[in-house]
N, C-alpha and C. Protein backbone atom coordinates (compact mmCIF):
# COMPACT_ATOMS: atom_id res chain seq x y z
N UNK A 1 15.03 1.56 8.63
CA UNK A 1 13.88 2.02 8.24
C UNK A 1 13.91 3.28 7.36
N UNK A 2 13.92 3.44 6.09
CA UNK A 2 14.38 4.50 5.29
C UNK A 2 12.89 5.25 4.71
N UNK A 3 12.76 6.36 4.72
CA UNK A 3 11.77 6.88 3.92
C UNK A 3 11.47 6.38 2.69
N UNK A 4 12.61 6.37 1.86
CA UNK A 4 12.33 5.70 0.44
C UNK A 4 11.73 4.46 0.31
N UNK A 5 11.50 3.87 1.54
CA UNK A 5 10.89 2.42 1.17
C UNK A 5 9.53 2.30 1.61
N UNK A 6 8.94 3.49 1.99
CA UNK A 6 7.42 3.50 2.15
C UNK A 6 6.75 3.59 1.00
N UNK A 7 5.51 3.14 1.09
CA UNK A 7 4.50 3.07 0.20
C UNK A 7 4.01 4.54 -0.09
N UNK A 8 3.84 4.99 -1.26
CA UNK A 8 3.19 6.39 -1.54
C UNK A 8 1.69 6.21 -1.87
N UNK A 9 0.89 7.23 -1.53
CA UNK A 9 -0.50 7.11 -1.91
C UNK A 9 -0.89 8.65 -2.21
N UNK A 10 -1.93 8.78 -2.95
CA UNK A 10 -2.05 10.00 -3.29
C UNK A 10 -3.99 10.51 -2.86
N UNK A 11 -3.67 11.65 -2.15
CA UNK A 11 -5.13 12.18 -1.88
C UNK A 11 -5.37 13.42 -2.76
N UNK A 12 -6.62 13.64 -3.28
CA UNK A 12 -7.05 14.72 -4.19
C UNK A 12 -7.78 15.53 -3.27
N UNK A 13 -7.72 17.02 -3.24
CA UNK A 13 -8.20 17.89 -2.32
C UNK A 13 -9.35 18.32 -3.11
N UNK A 14 -10.14 19.35 -2.48
CA UNK A 14 -11.36 19.56 -3.07
C UNK A 14 -11.23 20.70 -4.16
N UNK A 15 -10.01 21.02 -4.50
CA UNK A 15 -9.43 21.81 -5.86
C UNK A 15 -9.24 21.05 -6.85
N UNK A 16 -9.15 19.69 -6.68
CA UNK A 16 -8.76 18.59 -7.68
C UNK A 16 -7.28 18.70 -7.70
N UNK A 17 -6.60 18.93 -6.78
CA UNK A 17 -4.76 19.02 -6.62
C UNK A 17 -4.68 17.67 -5.85
N UNK A 18 -3.55 16.78 -6.55
CA UNK A 18 -3.24 15.77 -5.88
C UNK A 18 -1.91 16.00 -4.98
N UNK A 19 -2.12 15.38 -3.63
CA UNK A 19 -0.83 15.50 -2.57
C UNK A 19 -0.49 13.98 -2.52
N UNK A 20 0.80 13.99 -2.38
CA UNK A 20 1.49 12.46 -2.43
C UNK A 20 1.73 12.53 -0.84
N UNK A 21 1.59 11.21 -0.21
CA UNK A 21 1.90 11.03 1.10
C UNK A 21 2.44 9.64 1.38
N UNK A 22 3.41 9.60 2.25
CA UNK A 22 3.74 8.11 2.67
C UNK A 22 3.32 7.84 4.06
N UNK A 23 2.98 6.74 4.32
CA UNK A 23 2.28 6.26 5.77
C UNK A 23 3.68 5.98 6.54
N UNK A 24 3.73 6.62 7.74
CA UNK A 24 4.84 6.52 8.76
C UNK A 24 4.41 5.49 9.78
N UNK A 25 3.28 5.74 10.29
CA UNK A 25 2.74 4.90 11.52
C UNK A 25 1.21 4.74 11.57
N UNK A 26 0.96 3.46 12.13
CA UNK A 26 -0.53 3.44 12.39
C UNK A 26 -0.77 3.22 13.94
N UNK A 27 -1.82 4.23 14.32
CA UNK A 27 -2.11 4.38 15.76
C UNK A 27 -3.49 4.03 15.97
N UNK A 28 -3.76 3.17 16.99
CA UNK A 28 -5.04 2.95 17.54
C UNK A 28 -5.13 3.70 18.97
N UNK A 29 -6.40 4.43 18.83
CA UNK A 29 -6.43 5.33 20.13
C UNK A 29 -8.18 5.61 20.11
N UNK A 30 -8.45 5.27 21.34
CA UNK A 30 -10.10 5.30 21.72
C UNK A 30 -10.98 4.71 20.77
N UNK A 31 -10.49 3.46 20.18
CA UNK A 31 -11.30 2.53 19.67
C UNK A 31 -11.29 3.05 17.95
N UNK A 32 -10.33 3.99 17.59
CA UNK A 32 -10.24 4.43 16.27
C UNK A 32 -8.86 4.16 15.61
N UNK A 33 -8.85 3.96 14.34
CA UNK A 33 -7.55 3.82 13.80
C UNK A 33 -7.04 5.17 13.29
N UNK A 34 -5.79 5.37 13.14
CA UNK A 34 -5.29 6.74 12.48
C UNK A 34 -4.07 6.26 11.74
N UNK A 35 -3.85 7.14 10.77
CA UNK A 35 -2.47 6.92 9.81
C UNK A 35 -1.80 8.53 10.11
N UNK A 36 -0.67 8.27 10.52
CA UNK A 36 0.24 9.41 10.50
C UNK A 36 1.27 9.46 9.22
N UNK A 37 0.94 10.40 8.38
CA UNK A 37 1.55 10.41 7.01
C UNK A 37 2.32 11.87 6.86
N UNK A 38 3.31 11.73 6.10
CA UNK A 38 4.12 12.84 5.63
C UNK A 38 3.94 13.09 4.17
N UNK A 39 3.75 14.41 4.02
CA UNK A 39 3.44 14.75 2.60
C UNK A 39 4.97 14.82 1.95
N UNK A 40 4.69 14.36 0.72
CA UNK A 40 5.76 14.32 -0.07
C UNK A 40 5.85 15.04 -1.32
N UNK A 41 6.81 15.61 -1.90
CA UNK A 41 6.94 16.35 -3.35
C UNK A 41 7.42 15.43 -4.25
N UNK A 42 6.82 15.18 -5.49
CA UNK A 42 7.43 14.39 -6.37
C UNK A 42 7.69 15.11 -7.75
N UNK A 43 8.58 14.73 -8.50
CA UNK A 43 8.51 15.16 -10.00
C UNK A 43 7.68 14.76 -10.98
N UNK A 44 7.84 15.05 -12.15
CA UNK A 44 7.42 14.31 -13.07
C UNK A 44 7.33 12.81 -13.32
N UNK A 45 8.40 12.49 -12.84
CA UNK A 45 8.71 10.96 -13.10
C UNK A 45 8.61 10.32 -12.02
N UNK A 46 7.83 10.77 -10.81
CA UNK A 46 7.38 10.30 -9.72
C UNK A 46 8.42 10.23 -8.56
N UNK A 47 9.87 10.83 -8.64
CA UNK A 47 10.71 10.54 -7.59
C UNK A 47 10.54 11.69 -6.78
N UNK A 48 10.77 11.19 -5.53
CA UNK A 48 10.49 12.22 -4.19
C UNK A 48 11.64 13.32 -4.43
N UNK A 49 11.25 14.53 -4.37
CA UNK A 49 12.27 15.66 -4.44
C UNK A 49 12.26 16.39 -3.17
N UNK A 50 11.14 16.16 -2.28
CA UNK A 50 11.29 16.77 -0.91
C UNK A 50 10.17 16.32 0.01
N UNK A 51 10.43 16.44 1.40
CA UNK A 51 9.41 16.02 2.23
C UNK A 51 8.81 17.11 3.05
N UNK A 52 7.56 16.90 3.30
CA UNK A 52 6.98 18.16 3.88
C UNK A 52 6.48 18.05 5.26
N UNK A 53 5.20 18.41 5.39
CA UNK A 53 4.69 18.37 6.82
C UNK A 53 4.16 16.97 7.14
N UNK A 54 4.13 16.53 8.45
CA UNK A 54 3.47 15.40 8.79
C UNK A 54 1.82 15.65 9.26
N UNK A 55 1.14 14.86 8.82
CA UNK A 55 -0.42 14.95 8.94
C UNK A 55 -1.07 13.63 9.71
N UNK A 56 -1.84 13.65 10.86
CA UNK A 56 -2.51 12.79 11.30
C UNK A 56 -3.97 12.56 10.54
N UNK A 57 -4.16 11.34 9.98
CA UNK A 57 -5.75 11.16 9.65
C UNK A 57 -6.32 10.06 10.06
N UNK A 58 -7.84 10.17 10.32
CA UNK A 58 -8.65 9.04 10.77
C UNK A 58 -8.70 8.14 9.59
N UNK A 59 -8.54 6.84 9.81
CA UNK A 59 -8.82 5.89 8.81
C UNK A 59 -10.22 5.37 9.01
N UNK A 60 -10.99 5.17 7.99
CA UNK A 60 -12.61 4.85 8.35
C UNK A 60 -12.75 3.82 6.90
N UNK A 61 -13.86 3.23 7.16
CA UNK A 61 -14.50 2.22 5.99
C UNK A 61 -15.67 2.74 5.61
N UNK A 62 -15.87 2.38 4.18
CA UNK A 62 -17.04 3.10 3.57
C UNK A 62 -18.09 1.87 3.63
N UNK A 63 -19.19 2.05 3.06
CA UNK A 63 -20.23 1.03 3.17
C UNK A 63 -19.99 -0.25 2.46
N UNK A 64 -18.91 -0.22 1.61
CA UNK A 64 -18.61 -1.56 1.01
C UNK A 64 -17.19 -2.16 1.62
N UNK A 65 -16.82 -1.59 2.80
CA UNK A 65 -15.65 -1.99 3.23
C UNK A 65 -14.26 -1.53 2.97
N UNK A 66 -14.18 -0.60 2.11
CA UNK A 66 -12.70 0.11 1.60
C UNK A 66 -12.49 1.15 2.67
N UNK A 67 -11.25 1.14 2.69
CA UNK A 67 -10.70 2.22 3.66
C UNK A 67 -10.41 3.40 2.95
N UNK A 68 -10.62 4.54 3.79
CA UNK A 68 -10.39 5.90 3.39
C UNK A 68 -9.94 6.78 4.62
N UNK A 69 -9.13 7.77 4.35
CA UNK A 69 -8.82 8.52 5.31
C UNK A 69 -9.68 9.87 5.25
N UNK A 70 -9.71 10.49 6.52
CA UNK A 70 -10.52 11.69 6.78
C UNK A 70 -9.83 12.51 7.85
N UNK A 71 -10.20 13.69 7.54
CA UNK A 71 -9.57 14.68 8.69
C UNK A 71 -9.81 14.46 10.22
N UNK A 72 -9.22 14.55 11.06
CA UNK A 72 -9.49 14.64 12.46
C UNK A 72 -10.59 15.85 12.82
N UNK A 73 -11.46 15.45 13.55
CA UNK A 73 -12.63 16.23 13.49
C UNK A 73 -12.43 17.43 14.65
N UNK A 74 -11.94 17.02 15.81
CA UNK A 74 -11.92 17.82 17.05
C UNK A 74 -10.53 18.01 17.48
N UNK A 75 -10.22 19.22 18.22
CA UNK A 75 -9.17 19.63 18.73
C UNK A 75 -8.56 18.37 19.98
N UNK A 76 -9.41 18.11 20.43
CA UNK A 76 -9.32 17.00 21.56
C UNK A 76 -8.64 15.70 20.96
N UNK A 77 -9.23 15.41 20.05
CA UNK A 77 -8.94 13.99 19.40
C UNK A 77 -7.67 14.36 18.61
N UNK A 78 -7.22 15.41 17.88
CA UNK A 78 -5.91 15.77 17.40
C UNK A 78 -4.83 15.67 18.36
N UNK A 79 -5.20 16.39 19.50
CA UNK A 79 -4.08 16.35 20.82
C UNK A 79 -3.83 14.83 21.05
N UNK A 80 -4.78 13.98 21.29
CA UNK A 80 -4.59 12.59 21.67
C UNK A 80 -3.69 11.79 20.63
N UNK A 81 -4.05 12.09 19.37
CA UNK A 81 -3.45 11.39 18.37
C UNK A 81 -1.76 11.81 18.24
N UNK A 82 -1.85 13.17 18.40
CA UNK A 82 -0.66 13.83 18.50
C UNK A 82 0.32 13.17 19.61
N UNK A 83 -0.25 13.16 20.76
CA UNK A 83 0.45 12.57 21.90
C UNK A 83 0.96 11.18 21.83
N UNK A 84 0.14 10.33 21.20
CA UNK A 84 0.48 9.00 20.92
C UNK A 84 1.65 8.95 19.78
N UNK A 85 1.45 9.83 18.92
CA UNK A 85 2.58 9.95 17.90
C UNK A 85 4.08 10.47 18.62
N UNK A 86 3.94 11.12 19.46
CA UNK A 86 4.98 11.86 20.17
C UNK A 86 5.56 10.68 21.05
N UNK A 87 4.68 9.92 21.66
CA UNK A 87 5.17 8.87 22.54
C UNK A 87 5.76 7.64 21.62
N UNK A 88 5.17 7.31 20.53
CA UNK A 88 5.96 6.58 19.61
C UNK A 88 7.33 6.86 19.11
N UNK A 89 7.50 8.09 18.89
CA UNK A 89 8.76 8.72 18.40
C UNK A 89 9.87 8.52 19.64
N UNK A 90 9.50 8.92 20.68
CA UNK A 90 10.19 8.89 21.98
C UNK A 90 10.87 7.45 22.25
N UNK A 91 9.93 6.40 21.95
CA UNK A 91 10.15 4.99 21.95
C UNK A 91 10.81 4.21 20.96
N UNK A 92 10.75 4.69 19.72
CA UNK A 92 11.25 4.07 18.63
C UNK A 92 12.70 4.95 17.81
N UNK A 93 13.77 4.59 18.20
CA UNK A 93 14.81 5.40 17.78
C UNK A 93 15.11 5.20 16.34
N UNK A 94 14.86 4.14 15.75
CA UNK A 94 14.84 4.31 14.19
C UNK A 94 13.80 5.03 13.57
N UNK A 95 12.54 5.05 14.15
CA UNK A 95 11.53 6.10 13.49
C UNK A 95 12.05 7.49 14.00
N UNK A 96 12.50 7.75 15.18
CA UNK A 96 12.74 9.18 15.59
C UNK A 96 14.05 9.58 14.63
N UNK A 97 15.19 8.55 14.21
CA UNK A 97 16.08 8.93 13.25
C UNK A 97 15.84 9.26 11.93
N UNK A 98 14.43 9.08 11.56
CA UNK A 98 14.18 9.32 10.23
C UNK A 98 13.99 10.83 10.03
N UNK A 99 13.84 11.69 10.92
CA UNK A 99 13.31 13.10 11.05
C UNK A 99 14.37 14.04 11.58
N UNK A 100 14.62 15.09 10.62
CA UNK A 100 15.28 16.22 11.16
C UNK A 100 14.45 17.29 11.83
N UNK A 101 14.21 17.30 13.01
CA UNK A 101 13.19 18.23 13.58
C UNK A 101 13.21 19.59 13.49
N UNK A 102 14.58 19.94 13.18
CA UNK A 102 14.97 21.39 13.02
C UNK A 102 14.15 21.79 11.55
N UNK A 103 14.28 20.88 10.57
CA UNK A 103 13.49 21.32 9.47
C UNK A 103 12.23 21.46 9.59
N UNK A 104 11.29 21.03 10.51
CA UNK A 104 10.18 20.97 10.79
C UNK A 104 9.64 22.00 11.91
N UNK A 105 10.68 22.50 12.42
CA UNK A 105 10.57 23.72 13.34
C UNK A 105 10.38 23.47 14.74
N UNK A 106 10.59 21.86 14.98
CA UNK A 106 10.43 21.27 16.09
C UNK A 106 11.78 20.78 16.67
N UNK A 107 11.65 20.33 18.04
CA UNK A 107 12.77 19.84 18.65
C UNK A 107 12.33 18.58 19.27
N UNK A 108 13.26 17.74 19.72
CA UNK A 108 12.92 16.45 20.06
C UNK A 108 12.49 16.51 21.56
N UNK A 109 12.85 17.70 22.17
CA UNK A 109 12.26 17.83 23.74
C UNK A 109 10.79 18.01 23.70
N UNK A 110 10.16 18.87 22.49
CA UNK A 110 8.80 19.20 22.50
C UNK A 110 8.01 17.89 22.74
């Protein structure tokens, strides 16, 4: 599982700035669906130049059934999703191998 093989999607923030992400995992927790995504930096040709922070988003549907992502609203919900993501990393060697935890200021023991 190589990072370069993931689909890229773009979110536009409130300042009309585009942020590029790759979907790393889908998590279902407490009846809700979440996407764990990593921000990527791309050049003018759309080539990935760097990998950034990892963010969890809640996946929702609008009135017409289209999916969209939203920020996680509470610290408790964020903690539940983070714990599920950490458990997923612990149990999936290929997924865990994609990350250099020291680059993100983390260690595998955390």
